Every structure is written in structure tokens, then in C-alpha cells.
Amino acid sequence: MSQQPATGVVMSLVSAPQLKTKVTHGPSGATLPTEAPKDNGGTGGSFSPTDLVATALASCVVTTMHLMAGKEGITLGEVTATVEKRMTPPPRKIGELVLSILMPSGLTKEQRTTLEKIAHECPVARSLHPDVKVTTSFGYPD
């Protein structure tokens, strides 16, 4: 099998016993362990592949808001998020991702609207299948 030249970011993966893998980010060499979820034969000791999808959504939303804030001159500060992955009954797939974002204080109504809009348009959110329900809430301390 011949290899095609890389046209994007390349990650590699090596499987290990007990339904585990080690993923390596090509450009940086950073590694990430994964494992089958507990309800599917794993130990629950690491991220499952579907956990990574949920995590990717939360990370992408927050990163995209920070990118937009920088371009718009908005001082955003620290944003925190939690994401809950809800699986469907067999055949297993992600049914819903529930994302809760806690925003910093001091944002105007217009800034909040801009940031919330861009959050829904992050690349991961746009890449998810339309059957995956994404429920997003934003909390503000002020």
C-alpha cells in the first residue's frame, strides 16, 4: 500500500493490549492514551474515542471564542466548560452532547451575543452529524 503525501496535520496511532491505544500528534510529538469505555470492555482509565469527540467540541468552542475575542478587541479572560456525552442505545453512537460554558464577568450584551454566535459555528460543531444533538448553555457571573 503506497502512502499519500500529507496535506494536513498527521496523527498516528498504535494499539495496545486491553482495548487501549496511544495517539501521537505528528507536529508536536504529544501523546494521548485512549481506551474503550467501561461499558464496552475498557477500564474507564482514559478517554474513549467518543469522549474525545465531546472534548473536541468543548475545546473548539472555547478556542474559537478566544480567537474571535482577540480579533474584535474583546478582553475575554478565563472561560470554563463542562461537556456531557450521552450515548444512544445500540447501535451505539453519540446521541447528545450537553455543553455548559461559564463565561467571565464584564462582557456587554453585544459581546455576549457575538461570542455565543461564534461558539455555535466552531469547526467541530460544524463537523458533527446533524443527528447529534448539541445542547449549549452559557452562564455569566454578573
Protein backbone atom coordinates (compact mmCIF):
# COMPACT_ATOMS: atom_id res chain seq x y z
CA MET A 1 0.00 0.00 0.00
CA SER A 2 1.53 3.32 -1.02
CA GLN A 3 1.27 6.32 1.27
CA GLN A 4 -0.21 9.57 0.03
CA PRO A 5 1.71 12.74 0.85
CA ALA A 6 0.41 14.54 3.92
CA THR A 7 -1.83 17.51 3.15
CA GLY A 8 -2.92 18.32 6.70
CA VAL A 9 -1.96 17.56 10.28
CA VAL A 10 -0.97 13.92 10.68
CA MET A 11 -1.62 11.93 13.83
CA SER A 12 -0.52 8.32 14.30
CA LEU A 13 -1.91 5.58 16.49
CA VAL A 14 -0.55 2.35 17.95
CA SER A 15 -2.86 -0.18 19.57
CA ALA A 16 -2.02 -1.78 22.89
CA PRO A 17 -3.49 -4.68 24.88
CA GLN A 18 -6.76 -4.31 26.78
CA LEU A 19 -8.51 -2.11 24.20
CA LYS A 20 -6.04 0.76 24.57
CA THR A 21 -4.27 2.97 22.04
CA LYS A 22 -1.62 5.65 22.10
CA VAL A 23 -2.20 8.54 19.71
CA THR A 24 0.70 10.79 18.71
CA HIS A 25 0.30 14.31 17.33
CA GLY A 26 2.73 14.48 14.41
CA PRO A 27 3.84 18.11 14.57
CA SER A 28 4.47 18.22 18.33
CA GLY A 29 5.02 14.60 19.32
CA ALA A 30 2.49 14.99 22.15
CA THR A 31 0.80 11.71 23.05
CA LEU A 32 -2.66 10.86 24.29
CA PRO A 33 -3.81 7.49 25.59
CA THR A 34 -7.29 6.21 24.74
CA GLU A 35 -9.26 3.20 25.83
CA ALA A 36 -12.59 1.57 25.21
CA PRO A 37 -15.23 2.88 27.63
CA LYS A 38 -16.05 0.89 30.75
CA ASP A 39 -19.45 -0.16 29.40
CA ASN A 40 -17.74 -1.57 26.32
CA GLY A 41 -14.97 -3.63 27.91
CA GLY A 42 -12.46 -0.95 28.93
CA THR A 43 -11.44 0.03 32.43
CA GLY A 44 -12.53 3.68 32.20
CA GLY A 45 -8.93 4.70 32.88
CA SER A 46 -8.64 7.14 29.98
CA PHE A 47 -10.56 8.99 27.29
CA SER A 48 -12.60 6.83 24.95
CA PRO A 49 -12.79 7.77 21.27
CA THR A 50 -16.27 9.24 21.76
CA ASP A 51 -15.05 11.12 24.86
CA LEU A 52 -12.51 12.77 22.57
CA VAL A 53 -15.32 13.93 20.26
CA ALA A 54 -17.09 15.57 23.20
CA THR A 55 -13.84 17.08 24.45
CA ALA A 56 -13.00 18.32 20.96
CA LEU A 57 -16.32 20.18 20.83
CA ALA A 58 -15.77 21.92 24.18
CA SER A 59 -12.17 22.79 23.35
CA CYS A 60 -13.08 24.08 19.90
CA VAL A 61 -15.94 26.24 21.19
CA VAL A 62 -13.76 27.91 23.83
CA THR A 63 -10.78 28.31 21.49
CA THR A 64 -12.98 29.80 18.75
CA MET A 65 -14.49 32.30 21.19
CA HIS A 66 -10.99 33.37 22.28
CA LEU A 67 -9.93 33.76 18.63
CA MET A 68 -12.98 35.94 17.91
CA ALA A 69 -12.46 37.96 21.09
CA GLY A 70 -8.89 38.73 20.05
CA LYS A 71 -9.98 39.84 16.59
CA GLU A 72 -12.77 42.01 18.00
CA GLY A 73 -10.67 43.54 20.78
CA ILE A 74 -12.76 41.88 23.49
CA THR A 75 -10.97 41.08 26.75
CA LEU A 76 -12.39 37.62 27.38
CA GLY A 77 -10.48 36.25 30.37
CA GLU A 78 -10.92 32.71 31.65
CA VAL A 79 -13.69 30.56 30.23
CA THR A 80 -14.50 27.16 31.72
CA ALA A 81 -16.65 24.43 30.25
CA THR A 82 -18.06 21.00 31.00
CA VAL A 83 -19.41 18.61 28.42
CA GLU A 84 -21.55 15.52 28.96
CA LYS A 85 -21.61 12.84 26.28
CA ARG A 86 -24.87 10.88 26.07
CA MET A 87 -24.79 7.68 24.04
CA THR A 88 -27.76 6.10 22.27
CA PRO A 89 -28.92 2.54 22.90
CA PRO A 90 -27.46 0.02 20.42
CA PRO A 91 -26.31 0.65 17.85
CA ARG A 92 -24.04 2.86 19.96
CA LYS A 93 -23.36 6.38 18.79
CA ILE A 94 -23.23 9.82 20.34
CA GLY A 95 -26.82 10.97 20.73
CA GLU A 96 -26.32 14.25 22.54
CA LEU A 97 -23.53 16.50 23.77
CA VAL A 98 -24.53 18.82 26.61
CA LEU A 99 -22.11 21.73 26.82
CA SER A 100 -22.14 24.17 29.73
CA ILE A 101 -19.90 27.21 29.41
CA LEU A 102 -19.12 29.58 32.27
CA MET A 103 -18.11 32.95 30.90
CA PRO A 104 -16.17 35.66 32.74
CA SER A 105 -17.81 38.80 34.10
CA GLY A 106 -17.71 42.20 32.46
CA LEU A 107 -18.97 41.34 28.98
CA THR A 108 -21.56 43.61 27.38
CA LYS A 109 -24.78 42.23 25.94
CA GLU A 110 -23.40 42.75 22.41
CA GLN A 111 -20.15 40.95 23.26
CA ARG A 112 -22.09 38.05 24.76
CA THR A 113 -24.22 37.77 21.63
CA THR A 114 -21.16 37.81 19.36
CA LEU A 115 -19.30 35.19 21.40
CA GLU A 116 -22.31 32.89 21.74
CA LYS A 117 -22.95 33.06 18.00
CA ILE A 118 -19.37 32.15 17.13
CA ALA A 119 -19.41 29.33 19.68
CA HIS A 120 -22.12 27.56 17.67
CA GLU A 121 -20.08 27.96 14.49
CA CYS A 122 -16.78 26.38 15.61
CA PRO A 123 -15.26 23.85 13.17
CA VAL A 124 -16.03 20.83 15.37
CA ALA A 125 -19.67 21.85 15.81
CA ARG A 126 -19.98 22.28 12.04
CA SER A 127 -18.37 18.86 11.50
CA LEU A 128 -20.76 16.89 13.70
CA HIS A 129 -23.52 14.88 12.03
CA PRO A 130 -26.89 16.66 12.26
CA ASP A 131 -28.29 13.69 14.20
CA VAL A 132 -26.01 14.57 17.13
CA LYS A 133 -27.99 16.91 19.36
CA VAL A 134 -25.83 19.69 20.83
CA THR A 135 -27.30 21.49 23.81
CA THR A 136 -25.27 24.53 24.82
CA SER A 137 -25.79 26.86 27.77
CA PHE A 138 -23.83 29.94 28.80
CA GLY A 139 -23.53 31.17 32.37
CA TYR A 140 -22.43 34.65 33.38
CA PRO A 141 -21.50 35.65 36.95
CA ASP A 142 -22.85 39.19 36.53
